[in-house]
Amino acid sequence: SVTPREGADVDAVLSRAEAALRTGQLDRALIELDALPEPALAAMSNWIAAAQIRLAAISAVGALSQSSNAE
């Protein structure tokens, strides 16, 4: 699907994850992807791992920026 839709099937989950990514909500996309059935989750595992690393890096940069501004 090219638009987000309700449901628990792979297409519906991916449509919502893609919609979250289009609006810059990587954290929301990862939450959506958690609902994938195991075979699809396994297929997405490399992308999910990379996205989690990116999210952690974004968070670390934000924390560093906050601490720099506090000084």
PDB file of N, CA and C in Angstrom:
ATOM      1  N   SER A   1       0.832  -1.191   0.000  1.00  0.00           N
ATOM      2  CA  SER A   1       0.000   0.000   0.000  1.00  0.00           C
ATOM      3  C   SER A   1       0.870   1.245   0.000  1.00  0.00           C
ATOM      4  N   VAL A   2       0.437   2.260  -0.688  1.00  0.00           N
ATOM      5  CA  VAL A   2       1.180   3.516  -0.719  1.00  0.00           C
ATOM      6  C   VAL A   2       0.637   4.507   0.304  1.00  0.00           C
ATOM      7  N   THR A   3      -0.460   4.165   0.939  1.00  0.00           N
ATOM      8  CA  THR A   3      -0.994   4.989   2.023  1.00  0.00           C
ATOM      9  C   THR A   3      -1.114   4.109   3.258  1.00  0.00           C
ATOM     10  N   PRO A   4      -0.928   4.695   4.441  1.00  0.00           N
ATOM     11  CA  PRO A   4      -1.033   3.896   5.658  1.00  0.00           C
ATOM     12  C   PRO A   4      -2.431   3.314   5.819  1.00  0.00           C
ATOM     13  N   ARG A   5      -2.468   2.085   6.256  1.00  0.00           N
ATOM     14  CA  ARG A   5      -3.771   1.465   6.467  1.00  0.00           C
ATOM     15  C   ARG A   5      -3.749   0.601   7.713  1.00  0.00           C
ATOM     16  N   GLU A   6      -4.912   0.371   8.252  1.00  0.00           N
ATOM     17  CA  GLU A   6      -5.065  -0.444   9.449  1.00  0.00           C
ATOM     18  C   GLU A   6      -4.868  -1.912   9.109  1.00  0.00           C
ATOM     19  N   GLY A   7      -4.554  -2.694  10.113  1.00  0.00           N
ATOM     20  CA  GLY A   7      -4.438  -4.125   9.945  1.00  0.00           C
ATOM     21  C   GLY A   7      -3.126  -4.647  10.484  1.00  0.00           C
ATOM     22  N   ALA A   8      -3.044  -5.964  10.576  1.00  0.00           N
ATOM     23  CA  ALA A   8      -1.865  -6.609  11.130  1.00  0.00           C
ATOM     24  C   ALA A   8      -1.065  -7.361  10.073  1.00  0.00           C
ATOM     25  N   ASP A   9      -1.558  -7.360   8.826  1.00  0.00           N
ATOM     26  CA  ASP A   9      -0.816  -8.067   7.785  1.00  0.00           C
ATOM     27  C   ASP A   9       0.435  -7.268   7.425  1.00  0.00           C
ATOM     28  N   VAL A  10       1.374  -7.934   6.773  1.00  0.00           N
ATOM     29  CA  VAL A  10       2.670  -7.332   6.459  1.00  0.00           C
ATOM     30  C   VAL A  10       2.505  -6.027   5.681  1.00  0.00           C
ATOM     31  N   ASP A  11       1.652  -6.021   4.681  1.00  0.00           N
ATOM     32  CA  ASP A  11       1.460  -4.821   3.868  1.00  0.00           C
ATOM     33  C   ASP A  11       0.979  -3.650   4.708  1.00  0.00           C
ATOM     34  N   ALA A  12       0.045  -3.892   5.611  1.00  0.00           N
ATOM     35  CA  ALA A  12      -0.484  -2.823   6.459  1.00  0.00           C
ATOM     36  C   ALA A  12       0.594  -2.288   7.399  1.00  0.00           C
ATOM     37  N   VAL A  13       1.354  -3.185   8.012  1.00  0.00           N
ATOM     38  CA  VAL A  13       2.414  -2.767   8.936  1.00  0.00           C
ATOM     39  C   VAL A  13       3.457  -1.947   8.190  1.00  0.00           C
ATOM     40  N   LEU A  14       3.873  -2.424   7.037  1.00  0.00           N
ATOM     41  CA  LEU A  14       4.878  -1.697   6.260  1.00  0.00           C
ATOM     42  C   LEU A  14       4.355  -0.352   5.766  1.00  0.00           C
ATOM     43  N   SER A  15       3.072  -0.285   5.452  1.00  0.00           N
ATOM     44  CA  SER A  15       2.509   0.991   4.993  1.00  0.00           C
ATOM     45  C   SER A  15       2.567   2.031   6.104  1.00  0.00           C
ATOM     46  N   ARG A  16       2.307   1.618   7.329  1.00  0.00           N
ATOM     47  CA  ARG A  16       2.369   2.560   8.448  1.00  0.00           C
ATOM     48  C   ARG A  16       3.812   2.928   8.786  1.00  0.00           C
ATOM     49  N   ALA A  17       4.721   1.960   8.693  1.00  0.00           N
ATOM     50  CA  ALA A  17       6.134   2.245   8.950  1.00  0.00           C
ATOM     51  C   ALA A  17       6.672   3.225   7.914  1.00  0.00           C
ATOM     52  N   GLU A  18       6.317   3.023   6.667  1.00  0.00           N
ATOM     53  CA  GLU A  18       6.767   3.936   5.613  1.00  0.00           C
ATOM     54  C   GLU A  18       6.201   5.343   5.822  1.00  0.00           C
ATOM     55  N   ALA A  19       4.951   5.425   6.228  1.00  0.00           N
ATOM     56  CA  ALA A  19       4.341   6.732   6.489  1.00  0.00           C
ATOM     57  C   ALA A  19       5.082   7.440   7.625  1.00  0.00           C
ATOM     58  N   ALA A  20       5.457   6.705   8.646  1.00  0.00           N
ATOM     59  CA  ALA A  20       6.212   7.295   9.757  1.00  0.00           C
ATOM     60  C   ALA A  20       7.564   7.801   9.268  1.00  0.00           C
ATOM     61  N   LEU A  21       8.218   7.038   8.426  1.00  0.00           N
ATOM     62  CA  LEU A  21       9.517   7.457   7.895  1.00  0.00           C
ATOM     63  C   LEU A  21       9.397   8.709   7.044  1.00  0.00           C
ATOM     64  N   ARG A  22       8.341   8.805   6.277  1.00  0.00           N
ATOM     65  CA  ARG A  22       8.137   9.991   5.418  1.00  0.00           C
ATOM     66  C   ARG A  22       7.999  11.271   6.232  1.00  0.00           C
ATOM     67  N   THR A  23       7.566  11.140   7.476  1.00  0.00           N
ATOM     68  CA  THR A  23       7.416  12.312   8.335  1.00  0.00           C
ATOM     69  C   THR A  23       8.561  12.427   9.338  1.00  0.00           C
ATOM     70  N   GLY A  24       9.613  11.650   9.131  1.00  0.00           N
ATOM     71  CA  GLY A  24      10.795  11.745   9.981  1.00  0.00           C
ATOM     72  C   GLY A  24      10.668  11.079  11.336  1.00  0.00           C
ATOM     73  N   GLN A  25       9.714  10.187  11.486  1.00  0.00           N
ATOM     74  CA  GLN A  25       9.481   9.518  12.762  1.00  0.00           C
ATOM     75  C   GLN A  25      10.083   8.113  12.750  1.00  0.00           C
ATOM     76  N   LEU A  26      11.398   8.054  12.818  1.00  0.00           N
ATOM     77  CA  LEU A  26      12.090   6.768  12.792  1.00  0.00           C
ATOM     78  C   LEU A  26      11.688   5.907  13.979  1.00  0.00           C
ATOM     79  N   ASP A  27      11.547   6.513  15.140  1.00  0.00           N
ATOM     80  CA  ASP A  27      11.138   5.758  16.319  1.00  0.00           C
ATOM     81  C   ASP A  27       9.762   5.124  16.126  1.00  0.00           C
ATOM     82  N   ARG A  28       8.842   5.857  15.533  1.00  0.00           N
ATOM     83  CA  ARG A  28       7.498   5.326  15.275  1.00  0.00           C
ATOM     84  C   ARG A  28       7.545   4.193  14.249  1.00  0.00           C
ATOM     85  N   ALA A  29       8.393   4.335  13.246  1.00  0.00           N
ATOM     86  CA  ALA A  29       8.532   3.275  12.238  1.00  0.00           C
ATOM     87  C   ALA A  29       9.007   1.983  12.883  1.00  0.00           C
ATOM     88  N   LEU A  30       9.969   2.092  13.792  1.00  0.00           N
ATOM     89  CA  LEU A  30      10.474   0.898  14.475  1.00  0.00           C
ATOM     90  C   LEU A  30       9.392   0.257  15.336  1.00  0.00           C
ATOM     91  N   ILE A  31       8.583   1.070  15.972  1.00  0.00           N
ATOM     92  CA  ILE A  31       7.474   0.533  16.771  1.00  0.00           C
ATOM     93  C   ILE A  31       6.506  -0.227  15.866  1.00  0.00           C
ATOM     94  N   GLU A  32       6.188   0.347  14.722  1.00  0.00           N
ATOM     95  CA  GLU A  32       5.292  -0.326  13.772  1.00  0.00           C
ATOM     96  C   GLU A  32       5.881  -1.655  13.318  1.00  0.00           C
ATOM     97  N   LEU A  33       7.181  -1.660  13.023  1.00  0.00           N
ATOM     98  CA  LEU A  33       7.816  -2.874  12.516  1.00  0.00           C
ATOM     99  C   LEU A  33       7.843  -4.002  13.538  1.00  0.00           C
ATOM    100  N   ASP A  34       7.766  -3.668  14.817  1.00  0.00           N
ATOM    101  CA  ASP A  34       7.694  -4.703  15.858  1.00  0.00           C
ATOM    102  C   ASP A  34       6.479  -5.606  15.682  1.00  0.00           C
ATOM    103  N   ALA A  35       5.461  -5.124  14.985  1.00  0.00           N
ATOM    104  CA  ALA A  35       4.236  -5.902  14.799  1.00  0.00           C
ATOM    105  C   ALA A  35       4.324  -6.886  13.633  1.00  0.00           C
ATOM    106  N   LEU A  36       5.445  -6.875  12.916  1.00  0.00           N
ATOM    107  CA  LEU A  36       5.583  -7.802  11.784  1.00  0.00           C
ATOM    108  C   LEU A  36       5.629  -9.245  12.267  1.00  0.00           C
ATOM    109  N   PRO A  37       5.090 -10.166  11.476  1.00  0.00           N
ATOM    110  CA  PRO A  37       5.236 -11.583  11.809  1.00  0.00           C
ATOM    111  C   PRO A  37       6.708 -11.991  11.675  1.00  0.00           C
ATOM    112  N   GLU A  38       7.097 -13.037  12.351  1.00  0.00           N
ATOM    113  CA  GLU A  38       8.501 -13.441  12.437  1.00  0.00           C
ATOM    114  C   GLU A  38       9.222 -13.546  11.092  1.00  0.00           C
ATOM    115  N   PRO A  39       8.666 -14.167  10.065  1.00  0.00           N
ATOM    116  CA  PRO A  39       9.421 -14.248   8.801  1.00  0.00           C
ATOM    117  C   PRO A  39       9.751 -12.872   8.213  1.00  0.00           C
ATOM    118  N   ALA A  40       8.792 -11.953   8.275  1.00  0.00           N
ATOM    119  CA  ALA A  40       9.026 -10.603   7.751  1.00  0.00           C
ATOM    120  C   ALA A  40       9.979  -9.831   8.656  1.00  0.00           C
ATOM    121  N   LEU A  41       9.864 -10.039   9.959  1.00  0.00           N
ATOM    122  CA  LEU A  41      10.758  -9.388  10.909  1.00  0.00           C
ATOM    123  C   LEU A  41      12.192  -9.842  10.678  1.00  0.00           C
ATOM    124  N   ALA A  42      12.378 -11.118  10.419  1.00  0.00           N
ATOM    125  CA  ALA A  42      13.714 -11.647  10.128  1.00  0.00           C
ATOM    126  C   ALA A  42      14.264 -11.039   8.843  1.00  0.00           C
ATOM    127  N   ALA A  43      13.406 -10.884   7.848  1.00  0.00           N
ATOM    128  CA  ALA A  43      13.845 -10.299   6.575  1.00  0.00           C
ATOM    129  C   ALA A  43      14.247  -8.843   6.734  1.00  0.00           C
ATOM    130  N   MET A  44      13.653  -8.158   7.682  1.00  0.00           N
ATOM    131  CA  MET A  44      13.929  -6.739   7.914  1.00  0.00           C
ATOM    132  C   MET A  44      15.000  -6.517   8.975  1.00  0.00           C
ATOM    133  N   SER A  45      15.573  -7.577   9.529  1.00  0.00           N
ATOM    134  CA  SER A  45      16.451  -7.460  10.690  1.00  0.00           C
ATOM    135  C   SER A  45      17.662  -6.553  10.448  1.00  0.00           C
ATOM    136  N   ASN A  46      18.279  -6.615   9.288  1.00  0.00           N
ATOM    137  CA  ASN A  46      19.434  -5.750   9.024  1.00  0.00           C
ATOM    138  C   ASN A  46      19.018  -4.282   8.980  1.00  0.00           C
ATOM    139  N   TRP A  47      17.898  -3.993   8.331  1.00  0.00           N
ATOM    140  CA  TRP A  47      17.417  -2.616   8.260  1.00  0.00           C
ATOM    141  C   TRP A  47      17.046  -2.122   9.651  1.00  0.00           C
ATOM    142  N   ILE A  48      16.371  -2.957  10.423  1.00  0.00           N
ATOM    143  CA  ILE A  48      15.961  -2.577  11.776  1.00  0.00           C
ATOM    144  C   ILE A  48      17.184  -2.291  12.640  1.00  0.00           C
ATOM    145  N   ALA A  49      18.207  -3.125  12.548  1.00  0.00           N
ATOM    146  CA  ALA A  49      19.431  -2.908  13.327  1.00  0.00           C
ATOM    147  C   ALA A  49      20.091  -1.585  12.948  1.00  0.00           C
ATOM    148  N   ALA A  50      20.158  -1.296  11.666  1.00  0.00           N
ATOM    149  CA  ALA A  50      20.748  -0.030  11.215  1.00  0.00           C
ATOM    150  C   ALA A  50      19.910   1.159  11.680  1.00  0.00           C
ATOM    151  N   ALA A  51      18.609   1.022  11.644  1.00  0.00           N
ATOM    152  CA  ALA A  51      17.721   2.107  12.087  1.00  0.00           C
ATOM    153  C   ALA A  51      17.864   2.338  13.589  1.00  0.00           C
ATOM    154  N   GLN A  52      18.020   1.270  14.351  1.00  0.00           N
ATOM    155  CA  GLN A  52      18.211   1.414  15.800  1.00  0.00           C
ATOM    156  C   GLN A  52      19.532   2.120  16.108  1.00  0.00           C
ATOM    157  N   ILE A  53      20.573   1.807  15.350  1.00  0.00           N
ATOM    158  CA  ILE A  53      21.862   2.483  15.528  1.00  0.00           C
ATOM    159  C   ILE A  53      21.710   3.964  15.197  1.00  0.00           C
ATOM    160  N   ARG A  54      21.022   4.264  14.116  1.00  0.00           N
ATOM    161  CA  ARG A  54      20.808   5.670  13.733  1.00  0.00           C
ATOM    162  C   ARG A  54      20.021   6.410  14.806  1.00  0.00           C
ATOM    163  N   LEU A  55      18.977   5.785  15.326  1.00  0.00           N
ATOM    164  CA  LEU A  55      18.168   6.410  16.358  1.00  0.00           C
ATOM    165  C   LEU A  55      19.000   6.675  17.613  1.00  0.00           C
ATOM    166  N   ALA A  56      19.856   5.727  17.974  1.00  0.00           N
ATOM    167  CA  ALA A  56      20.738   5.915  19.137  1.00  0.00           C
ATOM    168  C   ALA A  56      21.716   7.060  18.885  1.00  0.00           C
ATOM    169  N   ALA A  57      22.242   7.157  17.679  1.00  0.00           N
ATOM    170  CA  ALA A  57      23.171   8.239  17.342  1.00  0.00           C
ATOM    171  C   ALA A  57      22.471   9.596  17.404  1.00  0.00           C
ATOM    172  N   ILE A  58      21.265   9.677  16.887  1.00  0.00           N
ATOM    173  CA  ILE A  58      20.495  10.921  16.941  1.00  0.00           C
ATOM    174  C   ILE A  58      20.255  11.327  18.389  1.00  0.00           C
ATOM    175  N   SER A  59      19.922  10.358  19.209  1.00  0.00           N
ATOM    176  CA  SER A  59      19.687  10.625  20.626  1.00  0.00           C
ATOM    177  C   SER A  59      20.962  11.101  21.316  1.00  0.00           C
ATOM    178  N   ALA A  60      22.089  10.469  20.989  1.00  0.00           N
ATOM    179  CA  ALA A  60      23.366  10.856  21.586  1.00  0.00           C
ATOM    180  C   ALA A  60      23.760  12.269  21.177  1.00  0.00           C
ATOM    181  N   VAL A  61      23.553  12.616  19.932  1.00  0.00           N
ATOM    182  CA  VAL A  61      23.860  13.970  19.463  1.00  0.00           C
ATOM    183  C   VAL A  61      22.973  14.980  20.190  1.00  0.00           C
ATOM    184  N   GLY A  62      21.717  14.653  20.364  1.00  0.00           N
ATOM    185  CA  GLY A  62      20.813  15.538  21.093  1.00  0.00           C
ATOM    186  C   GLY A  62      21.255  15.732  22.532  1.00  0.00           C
ATOM    187  N   ALA A  63      21.660  14.651  23.182  1.00  0.00           N
ATOM    188  CA  ALA A  63      22.125  14.746  24.563  1.00  0.00           C
ATOM    189  C   ALA A  63      23.411  15.564  24.650  1.00  0.00           C
ATOM    190  N   LEU A  64      24.306  15.355  23.706  1.00  0.00           N
ATOM    191  CA  LEU A  64      25.550  16.112  23.687  1.00  0.00           C
ATOM    192  C   LEU A  64      25.275  17.599  23.471  1.00  0.00           C
ATOM    193  N   SER A  65      24.368  17.887  22.573  1.00  0.00           N
ATOM    194  CA  SER A  65      23.998  19.262  22.315  1.00  0.00           C
ATOM    195  C   SER A  65      23.404  19.910  23.561  1.00  0.00           C
ATOM    196  N   GLN A  66      22.552  19.190  24.245  1.00  0.00           N
ATOM    197  CA  GLN A  66      21.935  19.701  25.485  1.00  0.00           C
ATOM    198  C   GLN A  66      23.007  19.994  26.542  1.00  0.00           C
ATOM    199  N   SER A  67      23.963  19.077  26.691  1.00  0.00           N
ATOM    200  CA  SER A  67      24.991  19.282  27.710  1.00  0.00           C
ATOM    201  C   SER A  67      25.927  20.414  27.322  1.00  0.00           C
ATOM    202  N   SER A  68      26.190  20.600  26.040  1.00  0.00           N
ATOM    203  CA  SER A  68      27.033  21.707  25.576  1.00  0.00           C
ATOM    204  C   SER A  68      26.345  23.038  25.820  1.00  0.00           C
ATOM    205  N   ASN A  69      25.058  23.090  25.607  1.00  0.00           N
ATOM    206  CA  ASN A  69      24.308  24.331  25.811  1.00  0.00           C
ATOM    207  C   ASN A  69      24.161  24.672  27.295  1.00  0.00           C
ATOM    208  N   ALA A  70      24.237  23.663  28.148  1.00  0.00           N
ATOM    209  CA  ALA A  70      24.083  23.886  29.576  1.00  0.00           C
ATOM    210  C   ALA A  70      25.338  24.504  30.191  1.00  0.00           C
ATOM    211  N   GLU A  71      26.458  24.358  29.533  1.00  0.00           N
ATOM    212  CA  GLU A  71      27.723  24.870  30.071  1.00  0.00           C
ATOM    213  C   GLU A  71      27.948  26.317  29.804  1.00  0.00           C
TER     214      GLU A  71
END
